[in-house]
Amino acid sequence: AAGLVNFEEGYMKGFNPEVALHEQADLLPYDTDYEFPKERIEF
């Protein structure tokens, strides 16, 4: 329900070209190049 299943690899088998992007964007894979260490963030 939270969209966290297969978060990193995604699930493109379930991706439907006829369904709006915002309804199924959680099925897209995560690009690990964007991962950033939390300890390097100062709020």
ModelCIF file with pLDDT and N, C-alpha, C, O atoms, coordinates in Angstrom:
data_MODEL
#
_entry.id   MODEL 
#
_entity.id                         1 
_entity.type                       polymer 
_entity.pdbx_number_of_molecules   1 
#
_entity_poly.entity_id                      1 
_entity_poly.type                           'polypeptide(L)' 
_entity_poly.nstd_linkage                   no 
_entity_poly.nstd_monomer                   no 
_entity_poly.pdbx_seq_one_letter_code       AAGLVNFEEGYMKGFNPEVALHEQADLLPYDTDYEFPKERIEF 
_entity_poly.pdbx_seq_one_letter_code_can   AAGLVNFEEGYMKGFNPEVALHEQADLLPYDTDYEFPKERIEF 
_entity_poly.pdbx_strand_id                 A 
#
loop_
_entity_poly_seq.entity_id 
_entity_poly_seq.num 
_entity_poly_seq.mon_id 
_entity_poly_seq.hetero 
1 1  ALA n 
1 2  ALA n 
1 3  GLY n 
1 4  LEU n 
1 5  VAL n 
1 6  ASN n 
1 7  PHE n 
1 8  GLU n 
1 9  GLU n 
1 10 GLY n 
1 11 TYR n 
1 12 MET n 
1 13 LYS n 
1 14 GLY n 
1 15 PHE n 
1 16 ASN n 
1 17 PRO n 
1 18 GLU n 
1 19 VAL n 
1 20 ALA n 
1 21 LEU n 
1 22 HIS n 
1 23 GLU n 
1 24 GLN n 
1 25 ALA n 
1 26 ASP n 
1 27 LEU n 
1 28 LEU n 
1 29 PRO n 
1 30 TYR n 
1 31 ASP n 
1 32 THR n 
1 33 ASP n 
1 34 TYR n 
1 35 GLU n 
1 36 PHE n 
1 37 PRO n 
1 38 LYS n 
1 39 GLU n 
1 40 ARG n 
1 41 ILE n 
1 42 GLU n 
1 43 PHE n 
#
_struct_asym.id          A 
_struct_asym.entity_id   1 
#
loop_
_ma_qa_metric.id 
_ma_qa_metric.mode 
_ma_qa_metric.name 
_ma_qa_metric.software_group_id 
_ma_qa_metric.type 
1 global pLDDT . pLDDT 
2 local  pLDDT . pLDDT 
#
_ma_qa_metric_global.metric_id      1 
_ma_qa_metric_global.metric_value   86.09 
_ma_qa_metric_global.model_id       1 
_ma_qa_metric_global.ordinal_id     1 
#
loop_
_ma_qa_metric_local.label_asym_id 
_ma_qa_metric_local.label_comp_id 
_ma_qa_metric_local.label_seq_id 
_ma_qa_metric_local.metric_id 
_ma_qa_metric_local.metric_value 
_ma_qa_metric_local.model_id 
_ma_qa_metric_local.ordinal_id 
A ALA 1  2 55.00 1 1  
A ALA 2  2 55.00 1 2  
A GLY 3  2 59.00 1 3  
A LEU 4  2 76.00 1 4  
A VAL 5  2 76.00 1 5  
A ASN 6  2 83.00 1 6  
A PHE 7  2 89.00 1 7  
A GLU 8  2 89.00 1 8  
A GLU 9  2 87.00 1 9  
A GLY 10 2 88.00 1 10 
A TYR 11 2 85.00 1 11 
A MET 12 2 86.00 1 12 
A LYS 13 2 85.00 1 13 
A GLY 14 2 87.00 1 14 
A PHE 15 2 87.00 1 15 
A ASN 16 2 87.00 1 16 
A PRO 17 2 85.00 1 17 
A GLU 18 2 83.00 1 18 
A VAL 19 2 84.00 1 19 
A ALA 20 2 81.00 1 20 
A LEU 21 2 84.00 1 21 
A HIS 22 2 76.00 1 22 
A GLU 23 2 79.00 1 23 
A GLN 24 2 86.00 1 24 
A ALA 25 2 85.00 1 25 
A ASP 26 2 86.00 1 26 
A LEU 27 2 89.00 1 27 
A LEU 28 2 91.00 1 28 
A PRO 29 2 91.00 1 29 
A TYR 30 2 93.00 1 30 
A ASP 31 2 91.00 1 31 
A THR 32 2 92.00 1 32 
A ASP 33 2 91.00 1 33 
A TYR 34 2 94.00 1 34 
A GLU 35 2 96.00 1 35 
A PHE 36 2 97.00 1 36 
A PRO 37 2 96.00 1 37 
A LYS 38 2 96.00 1 38 
A GLU 39 2 96.00 1 39 
A ARG 40 2 97.00 1 40 
A ILE 41 2 97.00 1 41 
A GLU 42 2 96.00 1 42 
A PHE 43 2 96.00 1 43 
#
loop_
_atom_site.group_PDB 
_atom_site.id 
_atom_site.type_symbol 
_atom_site.label_atom_id 
_atom_site.label_alt_id 
_atom_site.label_comp_id 
_atom_site.label_asym_id 
_atom_site.label_entity_id 
_atom_site.label_seq_id 
_atom_site.pdbx_PDB_ins_code 
_atom_site.Cartn_x 
_atom_site.Cartn_y 
_atom_site.Cartn_z 
_atom_site.occupancy 
_atom_site.B_iso_or_equiv 
_atom_site.pdbx_formal_charge 
_atom_site.auth_seq_id 
_atom_site.auth_comp_id 
_atom_site.auth_asym_id 
_atom_site.auth_atom_id 
_atom_site.pdbx_PDB_model_num 
ATOM 1   N N  . ALA A 1 1  ? 0.823  -1.210 0.000   1.00 55.00 ? 1  ALA A N  1 
ATOM 2   C CA . ALA A 1 1  ? 0.000  0.000  0.000   1.00 55.00 ? 1  ALA A CA 1 
ATOM 3   C C  . ALA A 1 1  ? 0.856  1.259  0.000   1.00 55.00 ? 1  ALA A C  1 
ATOM 4   O O  . ALA A 1 1  ? 0.437  2.304  -0.498  1.00 55.00 ? 1  ALA A O  1 
ATOM 5   N N  . ALA A 1 2  ? 2.044  1.153  0.556   1.00 55.00 ? 2  ALA A N  1 
ATOM 6   C CA . ALA A 1 2  ? 2.926  2.310  0.628   1.00 55.00 ? 2  ALA A CA 1 
ATOM 7   C C  . ALA A 1 2  ? 3.817  2.443  -0.598  1.00 55.00 ? 2  ALA A C  1 
ATOM 8   O O  . ALA A 1 2  ? 4.589  3.397  -0.700  1.00 55.00 ? 2  ALA A O  1 
ATOM 9   N N  . GLY A 1 3  ? 3.721  1.498  -1.532  1.00 59.00 ? 3  GLY A N  1 
ATOM 10  C CA . GLY A 1 3  ? 4.529  1.567  -2.741  1.00 59.00 ? 3  GLY A CA 1 
ATOM 11  C C  . GLY A 1 3  ? 5.973  1.174  -2.532  1.00 59.00 ? 3  GLY A C  1 
ATOM 12  O O  . GLY A 1 3  ? 6.843  1.613  -3.285  1.00 59.00 ? 3  GLY A O  1 
ATOM 13  N N  . LEU A 1 4  ? 6.257  0.345  -1.514  1.00 76.00 ? 4  LEU A N  1 
ATOM 14  C CA . LEU A 1 4  ? 7.629  0.009  -1.170  1.00 76.00 ? 4  LEU A CA 1 
ATOM 15  C C  . LEU A 1 4  ? 8.047  -1.377 -1.635  1.00 76.00 ? 4  LEU A C  1 
ATOM 16  O O  . LEU A 1 4  ? 9.212  -1.743 -1.483  1.00 76.00 ? 4  LEU A O  1 
ATOM 17  N N  . VAL A 1 5  ? 7.122  -2.166 -2.202  1.00 76.00 ? 5  VAL A N  1 
ATOM 18  C CA . VAL A 1 5  ? 7.479  -3.484 -2.716  1.00 76.00 ? 5  VAL A CA 1 
ATOM 19  C C  . VAL A 1 5  ? 8.316  -3.307 -3.988  1.00 76.00 ? 5  VAL A C  1 
ATOM 20  O O  . VAL A 1 5  ? 7.956  -2.531 -4.873  1.00 76.00 ? 5  VAL A O  1 
ATOM 21  N N  . ASN A 1 6  ? 9.429  -4.031 -4.070  1.00 83.00 ? 6  ASN A N  1 
ATOM 22  C CA . ASN A 1 6  ? 10.336 -3.923 -5.225  1.00 83.00 ? 6  ASN A CA 1 
ATOM 23  C C  . ASN A 1 6  ? 10.738 -2.476 -5.483  1.00 83.00 ? 6  ASN A C  1 
ATOM 24  O O  . ASN A 1 6  ? 10.804 -2.038 -6.632  1.00 83.00 ? 6  ASN A O  1 
ATOM 25  N N  . PHE A 1 7  ? 11.009 -1.732 -4.403  1.00 89.00 ? 7  PHE A N  1 
ATOM 26  C CA . PHE A 1 7  ? 11.293 -0.309 -4.546  1.00 89.00 ? 7  PHE A CA 1 
ATOM 27  C C  . PHE A 1 7  ? 12.472 -0.061 -5.475  1.00 89.00 ? 7  PHE A C  1 
ATOM 28  O O  . PHE A 1 7  ? 12.383 0.773  -6.376  1.00 89.00 ? 7  PHE A O  1 
ATOM 29  N N  . GLU A 1 8  ? 13.582 -0.778 -5.267  1.00 89.00 ? 8  GLU A N  1 
ATOM 30  C CA . GLU A 1 8  ? 14.795 -0.475 -6.034  1.00 89.00 ? 8  GLU A CA 1 
ATOM 31  C C  . GLU A 1 8  ? 14.731 -0.993 -7.459  1.00 89.00 ? 8  GLU A C  1 
ATOM 32  O O  . GLU A 1 8  ? 15.048 -0.264 -8.399  1.00 89.00 ? 8  GLU A O  1 
ATOM 33  N N  . GLU A 1 9  ? 14.322 -2.254 -7.632  1.00 87.00 ? 9  GLU A N  1 
ATOM 34  C CA . GLU A 1 9  ? 14.320 -2.840 -8.974  1.00 87.00 ? 9  GLU A CA 1 
ATOM 35  C C  . GLU A 1 9  ? 13.056 -2.536 -9.761  1.00 87.00 ? 9  GLU A C  1 
ATOM 36  O O  . GLU A 1 9  ? 13.039 -2.696 -10.981 1.00 87.00 ? 9  GLU A O  1 
ATOM 37  N N  . GLY A 1 10 ? 11.995 -2.099 -9.082  1.00 88.00 ? 10 GLY A N  1 
ATOM 38  C CA . GLY A 1 10 ? 10.733 -1.825 -9.755  1.00 88.00 ? 10 GLY A CA 1 
ATOM 39  C C  . GLY A 1 10 ? 10.033 -3.107 -10.183 1.00 88.00 ? 10 GLY A C  1 
ATOM 40  O O  . GLY A 1 10 ? 10.468 -4.211 -9.857  1.00 88.00 ? 10 GLY A O  1 
ATOM 41  N N  . TYR A 1 11 ? 8.940  -2.937 -10.922 1.00 85.00 ? 11 TYR A N  1 
ATOM 42  C CA . TYR A 1 11 ? 8.191  -4.101 -11.415 1.00 85.00 ? 11 TYR A CA 1 
ATOM 43  C C  . TYR A 1 11 ? 7.593  -3.728 -12.763 1.00 85.00 ? 11 TYR A C  1 
ATOM 44  O O  . TYR A 1 11 ? 6.398  -3.452 -12.870 1.00 85.00 ? 11 TYR A O  1 
ATOM 45  N N  . MET A 1 12 ? 8.440  -3.721 -13.794 1.00 86.00 ? 12 MET A N  1 
ATOM 46  C CA . MET A 1 12 ? 8.014  -3.262 -15.106 1.00 86.00 ? 12 MET A CA 1 
ATOM 47  C C  . MET A 1 12 ? 7.025  -4.217 -15.773 1.00 86.00 ? 12 MET A C  1 
ATOM 48  O O  . MET A 1 12 ? 6.325  -3.823 -16.706 1.00 86.00 ? 12 MET A O  1 
ATOM 49  N N  . LYS A 1 13 ? 6.958  -5.473 -15.305 1.00 85.00 ? 13 LYS A N  1 
ATOM 50  C CA . LYS A 1 13 ? 5.969  -6.396 -15.863 1.00 85.00 ? 13 LYS A CA 1 
ATOM 51  C C  . LYS A 1 13 ? 4.546  -5.911 -15.594 1.00 85.00 ? 13 LYS A C  1 
ATOM 52  O O  . LYS A 1 13 ? 3.623  -6.214 -16.349 1.00 85.00 ? 13 LYS A O  1 
ATOM 53  N N  . GLY A 1 14 ? 4.385  -5.162 -14.519 1.00 87.00 ? 14 GLY A N  1 
ATOM 54  C CA . GLY A 1 14 ? 3.067  -4.646 -14.179 1.00 87.00 ? 14 GLY A CA 1 
ATOM 55  C C  . GLY A 1 14 ? 2.797  -3.263 -14.719 1.00 87.00 ? 14 GLY A C  1 
ATOM 56  O O  . GLY A 1 14 ? 1.727  -2.703 -14.484 1.00 87.00 ? 14 GLY A O  1 
ATOM 57  N N  . PHE A 1 15 ? 3.766  -2.692 -15.451 1.00 87.00 ? 15 PHE A N  1 
ATOM 58  C CA . PHE A 1 15 ? 3.639  -1.335 -15.976 1.00 87.00 ? 15 PHE A CA 1 
ATOM 59  C C  . PHE A 1 15 ? 2.699  -1.349 -17.179 1.00 87.00 ? 15 PHE A C  1 
ATOM 60  O O  . PHE A 1 15 ? 2.933  -2.066 -18.152 1.00 87.00 ? 15 PHE A O  1 
ATOM 61  N N  . ASN A 1 16 ? 1.629  -0.546 -17.103 1.00 87.00 ? 16 ASN A N  1 
ATOM 62  C CA . ASN A 1 16 ? 0.593  -0.533 -18.139 1.00 87.00 ? 16 ASN A CA 1 
ATOM 63  C C  . ASN A 1 16 ? 0.668  0.771  -18.934 1.00 87.00 ? 16 ASN A C  1 
ATOM 64  O O  . ASN A 1 16 ? 0.455  1.840  -18.361 1.00 87.00 ? 16 ASN A O  1 
ATOM 65  N N  . PRO A 1 17 ? 0.963  0.717  -20.233 1.00 85.00 ? 17 PRO A N  1 
ATOM 66  C CA . PRO A 1 17 ? 1.071  1.943  -21.041 1.00 85.00 ? 17 PRO A CA 1 
ATOM 67  C C  . PRO A 1 17 ? -0.213 2.745  -21.108 1.00 85.00 ? 17 PRO A C  1 
ATOM 68  O O  . PRO A 1 17 ? -0.185 3.921  -21.470 1.00 85.00 ? 17 PRO A O  1 
ATOM 69  N N  . GLU A 1 18 ? -1.341 2.134  -20.768 1.00 83.00 ? 18 GLU A N  1 
ATOM 70  C CA . GLU A 1 18 ? -2.623 2.827  -20.866 1.00 83.00 ? 18 GLU A CA 1 
ATOM 71  C C  . GLU A 1 18 ? -3.072 3.431  -19.539 1.00 83.00 ? 18 GLU A C  1 
ATOM 72  O O  . GLU A 1 18 ? -4.166 3.987  -19.447 1.00 83.00 ? 18 GLU A O  1 
ATOM 73  N N  . VAL A 1 19 ? -2.242 3.326  -18.525 1.00 84.00 ? 19 VAL A N  1 
ATOM 74  C CA . VAL A 1 19 ? -2.556 3.876  -17.206 1.00 84.00 ? 19 VAL A CA 1 
ATOM 75  C C  . VAL A 1 19 ? -1.680 5.101  -16.972 1.00 84.00 ? 19 VAL A C  1 
ATOM 76  O O  . VAL A 1 19 ? -0.500 5.100  -17.321 1.00 84.00 ? 19 VAL A O  1 
ATOM 77  N N  . ALA A 1 20 ? -2.252 6.138  -16.387 1.00 81.00 ? 20 ALA A N  1 
ATOM 78  C CA . ALA A 1 20 ? -1.521 7.385  -16.157 1.00 81.00 ? 20 ALA A CA 1 
ATOM 79  C C  . ALA A 1 20 ? -0.287 7.146  -15.292 1.00 81.00 ? 20 ALA A C  1 
ATOM 80  O O  . ALA A 1 20 ? -0.288 6.284  -14.413 1.00 81.00 ? 20 ALA A O  1 
ATOM 81  N N  . LEU A 1 21 ? 0.759  7.917  -15.553 1.00 84.00 ? 21 LEU A N  1 
ATOM 82  C CA . LEU A 1 21 ? 2.036  7.732  -14.879 1.00 84.00 ? 21 LEU A CA 1 
ATOM 83  C C  . LEU A 1 21 ? 1.916  7.838  -13.367 1.00 84.00 ? 21 LEU A C  1 
ATOM 84  O O  . LEU A 1 21 ? 2.480  7.019  -12.641 1.00 84.00 ? 21 LEU A O  1 
ATOM 85  N N  . HIS A 1 22 ? 1.182  8.847  -12.883 1.00 76.00 ? 22 HIS A N  1 
ATOM 86  C CA . HIS A 1 22 ? 1.128  9.053  -11.438 1.00 76.00 ? 22 HIS A CA 1 
ATOM 87  C C  . HIS A 1 22 ? 0.403  7.931  -10.704 1.00 76.00 ? 22 HIS A C  1 
ATOM 88  O O  . HIS A 1 22 ? 0.472  7.852  -9.477  1.00 76.00 ? 22 HIS A O  1 
ATOM 89  N N  . GLU A 1 23 ? -0.295 7.059  -11.442 1.00 79.00 ? 23 GLU A N  1 
ATOM 90  C CA . GLU A 1 23 ? -0.972 5.924  -10.830 1.00 79.00 ? 23 GLU A CA 1 
ATOM 91  C C  . GLU A 1 23 ? -0.046 4.728  -10.656 1.00 79.00 ? 23 GLU A C  1 
ATOM 92  O O  . GLU A 1 23 ? -0.366 3.815  -9.894  1.00 79.00 ? 23 GLU A O  1 
ATOM 93  N N  . GLN A 1 24 ? 1.101  4.709  -11.347 1.00 86.00 ? 24 GLN A N  1 
ATOM 94  C CA . GLN A 1 24 ? 1.939  3.507  -11.330 1.00 86.00 ? 24 GLN A CA 1 
ATOM 95  C C  . GLN A 1 24 ? 3.433  3.823  -11.333 1.00 86.00 ? 24 GLN A C  1 
ATOM 96  O O  . GLN A 1 24 ? 4.245  2.947  -11.631 1.00 86.00 ? 24 GLN A O  1 
ATOM 97  N N  . ALA A 1 25 ? 3.802  5.051  -11.010 1.00 85.00 ? 25 ALA A N  1 
ATOM 98  C CA . ALA A 1 25 ? 5.216  5.424  -11.029 1.00 85.00 ? 25 ALA A CA 1 
ATOM 99  C C  . ALA A 1 25 ? 6.029  4.610  -10.033 1.00 85.00 ? 25 ALA A C  1 
ATOM 100 O O  . ALA A 1 25 ? 7.234  4.442  -10.220 1.00 85.00 ? 25 ALA A O  1 
ATOM 101 N N  . ASP A 1 26 ? 5.396  4.099  -8.973  1.00 86.00 ? 26 ASP A N  1 
ATOM 102 C CA . ASP A 1 26 ? 6.128  3.293  -7.999  1.00 86.00 ? 26 ASP A CA 1 
ATOM 103 C C  . ASP A 1 26 ? 6.636  1.977  -8.592  1.00 86.00 ? 26 ASP A C  1 
ATOM 104 O O  . ASP A 1 26 ? 7.478  1.316  -7.985  1.00 86.00 ? 26 ASP A O  1 
ATOM 105 N N  . LEU A 1 27 ? 6.129  1.586  -9.783  1.00 89.00 ? 27 LEU A N  1 
ATOM 106 C CA . LEU A 1 27 ? 6.600  0.377  -10.452 1.00 89.00 ? 27 LEU A CA 1 
ATOM 107 C C  . LEU A 1 27 ? 7.914  0.600  -11.193 1.00 89.00 ? 27 LEU A C  1 
ATOM 108 O O  . LEU A 1 27 ? 8.567  -0.365 -11.591 1.00 89.00 ? 27 LEU A O  1 
ATOM 109 N N  . LEU A 1 28 ? 8.309  1.849  -11.382 1.00 91.00 ? 28 LEU A N  1 
ATOM 110 C CA . LEU A 1 28 ? 9.560  2.165  -12.062 1.00 91.00 ? 28 LEU A CA 1 
ATOM 111 C C  . LEU A 1 28 ? 10.755 1.838  -11.166 1.00 91.00 ? 28 LEU A C  1 
ATOM 112 O O  . LEU A 1 28 ? 10.644 1.910  -9.942  1.00 91.00 ? 28 LEU A O  1 
ATOM 113 N N  . PRO A 1 29 ? 11.887 1.481  -11.755 1.00 91.00 ? 29 PRO A N  1 
ATOM 114 C CA . PRO A 1 29 ? 13.076 1.188  -10.935 1.00 91.00 ? 29 PRO A CA 1 
ATOM 115 C C  . PRO A 1 29 ? 13.676 2.458  -10.340 1.00 91.00 ? 29 PRO A C  1 
ATOM 116 O O  . PRO A 1 29 ? 13.522 3.549  -10.888 1.00 91.00 ? 29 PRO A O  1 
ATOM 117 N N  . TYR A 1 30 ? 14.353 2.298  -9.226  1.00 93.00 ? 30 TYR A N  1 
ATOM 118 C CA . TYR A 1 30 ? 15.066 3.404  -8.576  1.00 93.00 ? 30 TYR A CA 1 
ATOM 119 C C  . TYR A 1 30 ? 16.491 3.454  -9.111  1.00 93.00 ? 30 TYR A C  1 
ATOM 120 O O  . TYR A 1 30 ? 17.144 2.417  -9.229  1.00 93.00 ? 30 TYR A O  1 
ATOM 121 N N  . ASP A 1 31 ? 16.972 4.633  -9.433  1.00 91.00 ? 31 ASP A N  1 
ATOM 122 C CA . ASP A 1 31 ? 18.336 4.823  -9.925  1.00 91.00 ? 31 ASP A CA 1 
ATOM 123 C C  . ASP A 1 31 ? 19.248 5.088  -8.736  1.00 91.00 ? 31 ASP A C  1 
ATOM 124 O O  . ASP A 1 31 ? 19.180 6.152  -8.121  1.00 91.00 ? 31 ASP A O  1 
ATOM 125 N N  . THR A 1 32 ? 20.110 4.110  -8.407  1.00 92.00 ? 32 THR A N  1 
ATOM 126 C CA . THR A 1 32 ? 20.944 4.218  -7.207  1.00 92.00 ? 32 THR A CA 1 
ATOM 127 C C  . THR A 1 32 ? 21.999 5.319  -7.311  1.00 92.00 ? 32 THR A C  1 
ATOM 128 O O  . THR A 1 32 ? 22.626 5.669  -6.310  1.00 92.00 ? 32 THR A O  1 
ATOM 129 N N  . ASP A 1 33 ? 22.201 5.864  -8.507  1.00 91.00 ? 33 ASP A N  1 
ATOM 130 C CA . ASP A 1 33 ? 23.132 6.996  -8.628  1.00 91.00 ? 33 ASP A CA 1 
ATOM 131 C C  . ASP A 1 33 ? 22.650 8.207  -7.844  1.00 91.00 ? 33 ASP A C  1 
ATOM 132 O O  . ASP A 1 33 ? 23.437 9.093  -7.513  1.00 91.00 ? 33 ASP A O  1 
ATOM 133 N N  . TYR A 1 34 ? 21.363 8.242  -7.549  1.00 94.00 ? 34 TYR A N  1 
ATOM 134 C CA . TYR A 1 34 ? 20.813 9.366  -6.794  1.00 94.00 ? 34 TYR A CA 1 
ATOM 135 C C  . TYR A 1 34 ? 20.922 9.166  -5.289  1.00 94.00 ? 34 TYR A C  1 
ATOM 136 O O  . TYR A 1 34 ? 20.621 10.085 -4.527  1.00 94.00 ? 34 TYR A O  1 
ATOM 137 N N  . GLU A 1 35 ? 21.345 7.986  -4.842  1.00 96.00 ? 35 GLU A N  1 
ATOM 138 C CA . GLU A 1 35 ? 21.431 7.727  -3.399  1.00 96.00 ? 35 GLU A CA 1 
ATOM 139 C C  . GLU A 1 35 ? 22.482 8.635  -2.771  1.00 96.00 ? 35 GLU A C  1 
ATOM 140 O O  . GLU A 1 35 ? 23.593 8.771  -3.285  1.00 96.00 ? 35 GLU A O  1 
ATOM 141 N N  . PHE A 1 36 ? 22.113 9.253  -1.651  1.00 97.00 ? 36 PHE A N  1 
ATOM 142 C CA . PHE A 1 36 ? 22.997 10.207 -0.983  1.00 97.00 ? 36 PHE A CA 1 
ATOM 143 C C  . PHE A 1 36 ? 23.047 9.885  0.503   1.00 97.00 ? 36 PHE A C  1 
ATOM 144 O O  . PHE A 1 36 ? 22.006 9.614  1.102   1.00 97.00 ? 36 PHE A O  1 
ATOM 145 N N  . PRO A 1 37 ? 24.233 9.908  1.118   1.00 96.00 ? 37 PRO A N  1 
ATOM 146 C CA . PRO A 1 37 ? 24.357 9.561  2.537   1.00 96.00 ? 37 PRO A CA 1 
ATOM 147 C C  . PRO A 1 37 ? 23.672 10.580 3.446   1.00 96.00 ? 37 PRO A C  1 
ATOM 148 O O  . PRO A 1 37 ? 23.894 11.785 3.326   1.00 96.00 ? 37 PRO A O  1 
ATOM 149 N N  . LYS A 1 38 ? 22.862 10.094 4.329   1.00 96.00 ? 38 LYS A N  1 
ATOM 150 C CA . LYS A 1 38 ? 22.124 10.964 5.241   1.00 96.00 ? 38 LYS A CA 1 
ATOM 151 C C  . LYS A 1 38 ? 23.071 11.787 6.117   1.00 96.00 ? 38 LYS A C  1 
ATOM 152 O O  . LYS A 1 38 ? 22.778 12.934 6.454   1.00 96.00 ? 38 LYS A O  1 
ATOM 153 N N  . GLU A 1 39 ? 24.211 11.189 6.483   1.00 96.00 ? 39 GLU A N  1 
ATOM 154 C CA . GLU A 1 39 ? 25.130 11.866 7.393   1.00 96.00 ? 39 GLU A CA 1 
ATOM 155 C C  . GLU A 1 39 ? 25.794 13.084 6.752   1.00 96.00 ? 39 GLU A C  1 
ATOM 156 O O  . GLU A 1 39 ? 26.419 13.881 7.451   1.00 96.00 ? 39 GLU A O  1 
ATOM 157 N N  . ARG A 1 40 ? 25.669 13.237 5.443   1.00 97.00 ? 40 ARG A N  1 
ATOM 158 C CA . ARG A 1 40 ? 26.238 14.414 4.772   1.00 97.00 ? 40 ARG A CA 1 
ATOM 159 C C  . ARG A 1 40 ? 25.201 15.516 4.561   1.00 97.00 ? 40 ARG A C  1 
ATOM 160 O O  . ARG A 1 40 ? 25.429 16.454 3.797   1.00 97.00 ? 40 ARG A O  1 
ATOM 161 N N  . ILE A 1 41 ? 24.072 15.397 5.238   1.00 97.00 ? 41 ILE A N  1 
ATOM 162 C CA . ILE A 1 41 ? 23.035 16.434 5.195   1.00 97.00 ? 41 ILE A CA 1 
ATOM 163 C C  . ILE A 1 41 ? 22.946 17.101 6.564   1.00 97.00 ? 41 ILE A C  1 
ATOM 164 O O  . ILE A 1 41 ? 22.790 16.434 7.586   1.00 97.00 ? 41 ILE A O  1 
ATOM 165 N N  . GLU A 1 42 ? 23.047 18.413 6.564   1.00 96.00 ? 42 GLU A N  1 
ATOM 166 C CA . GLU A 1 42 ? 22.902 19.178 7.801   1.00 96.00 ? 42 GLU A CA 1 
ATOM 167 C C  . GLU A 1 42 ? 21.670 20.066 7.680   1.00 96.00 ? 42 GLU A C  1 
ATOM 168 O O  . GLU A 1 42 ? 21.637 20.995 6.872   1.00 96.00 ? 42 GLU A O  1 
ATOM 169 N N  . PHE A 1 43 ? 20.666 19.773 8.487   1.00 96.00 ? 43 PHE A N  1 
ATOM 170 C CA . PHE A 1 43 ? 19.400 20.499 8.406   1.00 96.00 ? 43 PHE A CA 1 
ATOM 171 C C  . PHE A 1 43 ? 19.485 21.811 9.177   1.00 96.00 ? 43 PHE A C  1 
ATOM 172 O O  . PHE A 1 43 ? 18.512 22.563 9.224   1.00 96.00 ? 43 PHE A O  1 
#
